[in-house]
């Protein structure tokens, strides 16, 4: 079969299956849009304020705090993941996060020490909790055929939401003030919880299995460490996110140097917004093409190609450390992370058991996406005294490790998929 026919057949089969449950599909698209809209509202102002008050050199300490908070969140979430309906967990998490946002915003306005630091930690933690909750819903609902088409469109919906918020970030910061933009996040978070409950109210696929019980944090880790499949997946997520977080630091440090202090706060916020807007535009293009790309190349080849491209971008920053190369590396790393890498990685869970899709995924993704910030923090704290070129050189080595781990996991994925009777790439 020619590659064009292969693409057409893959997309046609996926669309056919999505038509069976159009309400859930379009509802999840809307949920992804609104969820990422909240992050698009929160991220540029919080990062700009954090940079102004604490400076880029203190970001590693914030990353460590985020990692610890994510571990606590994963322990709480994972305890209920196997026995509580996934939509109820999402609703509860969104409500708690909205309340915490209000408390910390008021605390910061009242001059409570380090309330802004905690607000940054919350901003970086909440999106992981809710995004991984969203993907748990998707992984329990779809098989490989429908996921090839649906997952790219879910990612695209998220990029549209974040992009809309970030496109208007400069105007919002100028009219409301950077700090007041944060109040807009709270009501939108509450909307995501209500929407999730409504969209999935009739879905049996996300219901807990009969006899399921609460899982301790230690038991959750056993699900991962005793698996020859989940453990390398965890290491892939960790290495990829360490690389991305170092690239993030490099960009933040560059902007702090170019736009220092309170006088240039709004300009700095605007540049952050422009960079993230570019990320979302590039990611959106890749997301819309995810189905055809996966149909033509297959999940395995896509997963192998991405770390190679990111390694090239980081090498460019190491060779020519400028705003242009730092921004380009950020766009490359984040755009793939938000599109092809995310969609392909989530499909790795599809041949697995309900327990692996819920408890295992919580341990792998909810823990690791932000725990990797701790690894990046240690890397930065240890190596910055030796110069930023050394930091980037080590980051390149970690990107190569990401590639090697992918080469280990891919054959195991293909074997597991075949054993589970999944469809061929």
Foldseek 3Di string as FASTA:
>chain_A
DDLVVLLVVLLVLQVVVCVVQVLLLVLLLLLLLLLLLLLLLPPLLLLLVCCQPPNLLCVLVLLQVLLVVLLVVLQVQLQCQQAAQLLQSLLVLLQVLLVLLVVLLVCVVVPPPCSSSVNVSSSVQSSLVNVLSSLLVVLLPDFPSNLLQRVLSSLLSNLNNSLVSLVCQLVCCVPVNSSVSNVVSNVSSNVSSVSSCVSCVPPPSRHRDPPDHGDGPVRLVCVQVVDPQNVLLLLLLLLLLLLLVLLVSLLSNQLCVVQPHDVRSSVSSNVVSVLSSLLSVLLSVQSNCSSSVCSNQNLLVLQLVLLVVLLVLLVVCLVPVHNVSSSVSNSSSSSCVSHSNVSSSSNLCNLDDSCCSGSVSSVRRSNRNSSSSNVSSVLCVVCVVVPVSVSSVVSSVSSVVSSVSSVVNVVVSVVSCVVSVGDDD
